[in-house]
Amino acid sequence: MRYCTLATSPGQLFDATATPEGIKQAILELDASVLRAYDLPVRLERQLLDFFRGAERKGVGCPFDGYYPPDFRSIVPLHKYISSAYRRSTIDQVAERMKPGESAHVLATLRSAAEAFEEES
């Protein structure tokens, strides 16, 4: 079990993921697996997890006070929310990947189009 390994690890020197963030991720993955096995309706799963919002989980090896950010309103099952696919799909991540103005080819094309437009004017 990944959480137990990380939580009892002698530290980052032996395991780079034995950080508070890595331990929290392992807890989230463990809890998400258990919830997924119960196959609760998504709204009920979210209600259950929201009961723990702000409640500190002591003795787990990292700060842990909830599953979702306080301002997060979407109804997404925990296993999807913590997945890398979900994180890559957020608007900030998509915007980070989609920077058309930074492509040399796109910049050259835009310059050509601007020059052509000026010639027509």
C-alpha atoms as a PDB file:
ATOM      1  CA  MET A   1       0.000   0.000   0.000  1.00  0.00           C
ATOM      2  CA  ARG A   2       1.575   3.220  -1.231  1.00  0.00           C
ATOM      3  CA  TYR A   3       0.326   5.390   1.636  1.00  0.00           C
ATOM      4  CA  CYS A   4       1.849   3.148   4.321  1.00  0.00           C
ATOM      5  CA  THR A   5       5.146   3.049   2.456  1.00  0.00           C
ATOM      6  CA  LEU A   6       5.286   6.848   2.157  1.00  0.00           C
ATOM      7  CA  ALA A   7       4.022   7.615   5.642  1.00  0.00           C
ATOM      8  CA  THR A   8       6.607   5.362   7.257  1.00  0.00           C
ATOM      9  CA  SER A   9       9.442   6.268   4.881  1.00  0.00           C
ATOM     10  CA  PRO A  10      12.602   7.747   6.407  1.00  0.00           C
ATOM     11  CA  GLY A  11      12.098  10.716   4.103  1.00  0.00           C
ATOM     12  CA  GLN A  12      12.764  12.170   0.691  1.00  0.00           C
ATOM     13  CA  LEU A  13      16.351  10.972   0.674  1.00  0.00           C
ATOM     14  CA  PHE A  14      15.084   7.403   0.240  1.00  0.00           C
ATOM     15  CA  ASP A  15      11.838   8.142  -1.625  1.00  0.00           C
ATOM     16  CA  ALA A  16      11.350  11.400  -3.524  1.00  0.00           C
ATOM     17  CA  THR A  17       7.560  11.153  -3.168  1.00  0.00           C
ATOM     18  CA  ALA A  18       7.712  10.960   0.647  1.00  0.00           C
ATOM     19  CA  THR A  19       6.750  14.622   0.887  1.00  0.00           C
ATOM     20  CA  PRO A  20       3.600  15.995   2.521  1.00  0.00           C
ATOM     21  CA  GLU A  21       2.160  16.473  -0.989  1.00  0.00           C
ATOM     22  CA  GLY A  22       3.045  12.898  -1.992  1.00  0.00           C
ATOM     23  CA  ILE A  23       1.553  11.497   1.194  1.00  0.00           C
ATOM     24  CA  LYS A  24      -1.647  13.502   0.704  1.00  0.00           C
ATOM     25  CA  GLN A  25      -1.905  12.240  -2.879  1.00  0.00           C
ATOM     26  CA  ALA A  26      -1.516   8.660  -1.634  1.00  0.00           C
ATOM     27  CA  ILE A  27      -4.312   9.212   0.929  1.00  0.00           C
ATOM     28  CA  LEU A  28      -6.548  10.647  -1.781  1.00  0.00           C
ATOM     29  CA  GLU A  29      -5.843   7.667  -4.037  1.00  0.00           C
ATOM     30  CA  LEU A  30      -6.585   5.211  -1.227  1.00  0.00           C
ATOM     31  CA  ASP A  31      -9.834   6.931  -0.265  1.00  0.00           C
ATOM     32  CA  ALA A  32     -10.855   7.251  -3.927  1.00  0.00           C
ATOM     33  CA  SER A  33     -10.330   3.507  -4.434  1.00  0.00           C
ATOM     34  CA  VAL A  34     -12.500   2.662  -1.435  1.00  0.00           C
ATOM     35  CA  LEU A  35     -15.243   5.041  -2.543  1.00  0.00           C
ATOM     36  CA  ARG A  36     -15.109   3.707  -6.075  1.00  0.00           C
ATOM     37  CA  ALA A  37     -15.647   0.181  -4.753  1.00  0.00           C
ATOM     38  CA  TYR A  38     -18.814   1.355  -2.985  1.00  0.00           C
ATOM     39  CA  ASP A  39     -20.059   2.778  -6.301  1.00  0.00           C
ATOM     40  CA  LEU A  40     -22.101   5.505  -4.639  1.00  0.00           C
ATOM     41  CA  PRO A  41     -24.040   7.973  -6.760  1.00  0.00           C
ATOM     42  CA  VAL A  42     -21.725  10.914  -7.451  1.00  0.00           C
ATOM     43  CA  ARG A  43     -23.814  13.431  -5.483  1.00  0.00           C
ATOM     44  CA  LEU A  44     -23.888  11.151  -2.450  1.00  0.00           C
ATOM     45  CA  GLU A  45     -20.114  10.594  -2.630  1.00  0.00           C
ATOM     46  CA  ARG A  46     -19.597  14.351  -2.790  1.00  0.00           C
ATOM     47  CA  GLN A  47     -21.926  14.908   0.185  1.00  0.00           C
ATOM     48  CA  LEU A  48     -20.028  12.318   2.194  1.00  0.00           C
ATOM     49  CA  LEU A  49     -16.652  13.897   1.427  1.00  0.00           C
ATOM     50  CA  ASP A  50     -17.967  17.399   2.144  1.00  0.00           C
ATOM     51  CA  PHE A  51     -18.779  16.292   5.706  1.00  0.00           C
ATOM     52  CA  PHE A  52     -15.023  16.195   6.270  1.00  0.00           C
ATOM     53  CA  ARG A  53     -14.303  19.665   4.865  1.00  0.00           C
ATOM     54  CA  GLY A  54     -12.194  21.583   7.343  1.00  0.00           C
ATOM     55  CA  ALA A  55     -11.780  18.609   9.680  1.00  0.00           C
ATOM     56  CA  GLU A  56      -8.089  18.036  10.262  1.00  0.00           C
ATOM     57  CA  ARG A  57      -6.977  14.458   9.766  1.00  0.00           C
ATOM     58  CA  LYS A  58      -4.362  14.020  12.473  1.00  0.00           C
ATOM     59  CA  GLY A  59      -1.494  11.561  12.423  1.00  0.00           C
ATOM     60  CA  VAL A  60      -1.479  10.915   8.680  1.00  0.00           C
ATOM     61  CA  GLY A  61       1.933  12.442   7.962  1.00  0.00           C
ATOM     62  CA  CYS A  62       0.751  15.549   6.144  1.00  0.00           C
ATOM     63  CA  PRO A  63      -1.662  18.453   6.506  1.00  0.00           C
ATOM     64  CA  PHE A  64      -5.065  17.142   5.396  1.00  0.00           C
ATOM     65  CA  ASP A  65      -8.262  19.113   5.854  1.00  0.00           C
ATOM     66  CA  GLY A  66     -10.477  18.100   2.965  1.00  0.00           C
ATOM     67  CA  TYR A  67     -10.858  16.465  -0.406  1.00  0.00           C
ATOM     68  CA  TYR A  68     -11.864  19.365  -2.629  1.00  0.00           C
ATOM     69  CA  PRO A  69     -10.905  23.048  -2.480  1.00  0.00           C
ATOM     70  CA  PRO A  70     -13.466  25.115  -0.522  1.00  0.00           C
ATOM     71  CA  ASP A  71     -14.657  26.983  -3.644  1.00  0.00           C
ATOM     72  CA  PHE A  72     -14.951  23.858  -5.839  1.00  0.00           C
ATOM     73  CA  ARG A  73     -18.621  23.350  -6.729  1.00  0.00           C
ATOM     74  CA  SER A  74     -18.535  20.720  -9.487  1.00  0.00           C
ATOM     75  CA  ILE A  75     -19.886  17.267  -8.784  1.00  0.00           C
ATOM     76  CA  VAL A  76     -16.970  15.057  -9.784  1.00  0.00           C
ATOM     77  CA  PRO A  77     -16.148  11.705  -8.203  1.00  0.00           C
ATOM     78  CA  LEU A  78     -12.936  11.772  -6.209  1.00  0.00           C
ATOM     79  CA  HIS A  79     -11.169   9.229  -8.432  1.00  0.00           C
ATOM     80  CA  LYS A  80     -11.744  11.469 -11.466  1.00  0.00           C
ATOM     81  CA  TYR A  81     -10.909  14.692  -9.632  1.00  0.00           C
ATOM     82  CA  ILE A  82      -7.471  13.425  -8.561  1.00  0.00           C
ATOM     83  CA  SER A  83      -6.668  11.869 -11.946  1.00  0.00           C
ATOM     84  CA  SER A  84      -3.999  13.404 -14.137  1.00  0.00           C
ATOM     85  CA  ALA A  85      -6.492  13.465 -17.039  1.00  0.00           C
ATOM     86  CA  TYR A  86      -8.831  15.704 -15.025  1.00  0.00           C
ATOM     87  CA  ARG A  87      -6.017  18.004 -13.936  1.00  0.00           C
ATOM     88  CA  ARG A  88      -4.873  18.356 -17.553  1.00  0.00           C
ATOM     89  CA  SER A  89      -8.425  19.269 -18.591  1.00  0.00           C
ATOM     90  CA  THR A  90      -8.823  22.305 -16.344  1.00  0.00           C
ATOM     91  CA  ILE A  91      -9.000  25.675 -18.059  1.00  0.00           C
ATOM     92  CA  ASP A  92      -5.657  26.820 -16.660  1.00  0.00           C
ATOM     93  CA  GLN A  93      -3.896  23.701 -17.918  1.00  0.00           C
ATOM     94  CA  VAL A  94      -5.520  23.916 -21.347  1.00  0.00           C
ATOM     95  CA  ALA A  95      -4.587  27.594 -21.615  1.00  0.00           C
ATOM     96  CA  GLU A  96      -1.022  26.721 -20.642  1.00  0.00           C
ATOM     97  CA  ARG A  97      -0.815  24.181 -23.472  1.00  0.00           C
ATOM     98  CA  MET A  98      -2.539  26.396 -26.017  1.00  0.00           C
ATOM     99  CA  LYS A  99      -0.197  29.308 -26.586  1.00  0.00           C
ATOM    100  CA  PRO A 100      -0.535  29.911 -30.322  1.00  0.00           C
ATOM    101  CA  GLY A 101       1.264  33.259 -30.208  1.00  0.00           C
ATOM    102  CA  GLU A 102       4.438  31.571 -28.994  1.00  0.00           C
ATOM    103  CA  SER A 103       4.828  29.272 -31.995  1.00  0.00           C
ATOM    104  CA  ALA A 104       7.400  30.538 -34.494  1.00  0.00           C
ATOM    105  CA  HIS A 105       5.273  29.205 -37.355  1.00  0.00           C
ATOM    106  CA  VAL A 106       2.118  30.892 -36.080  1.00  0.00           C
ATOM    107  CA  LEU A 107       3.942  34.181 -35.509  1.00  0.00           C
ATOM    108  CA  ALA A 108       5.348  34.104 -39.050  1.00  0.00           C
ATOM    109  CA  THR A 109       1.888  33.343 -40.464  1.00  0.00           C
ATOM    110  CA  LEU A 110       0.317  36.174 -38.461  1.00  0.00           C
ATOM    111  CA  ARG A 111       3.028  38.592 -39.638  1.00  0.00           C
ATOM    112  CA  SER A 112       2.409  37.601 -43.258  1.00  0.00           C
ATOM    113  CA  ALA A 113      -1.325  38.038 -42.820  1.00  0.00           C
ATOM    114  CA  ALA A 114      -0.831  41.455 -41.177  1.00  0.00           C
ATOM    115  CA  GLU A 115       1.494  42.565 -43.994  1.00  0.00           C
ATOM    116  CA  ALA A 116      -0.982  41.362 -46.634  1.00  0.00           C
ATOM    117  CA  PHE A 117      -3.782  43.204 -44.862  1.00  0.00           C
ATOM    118  CA  GLU A 118      -1.711  46.422 -44.793  1.00  0.00           C
ATOM    119  CA  GLU A 119      -0.991  46.107 -48.522  1.00  0.00           C
ATOM    120  CA  GLU A 120      -4.732  45.810 -49.256  1.00  0.00           C
ATOM    121  CA  SER A 121      -5.585  48.891 -47.193  1.00  0.00           C
END
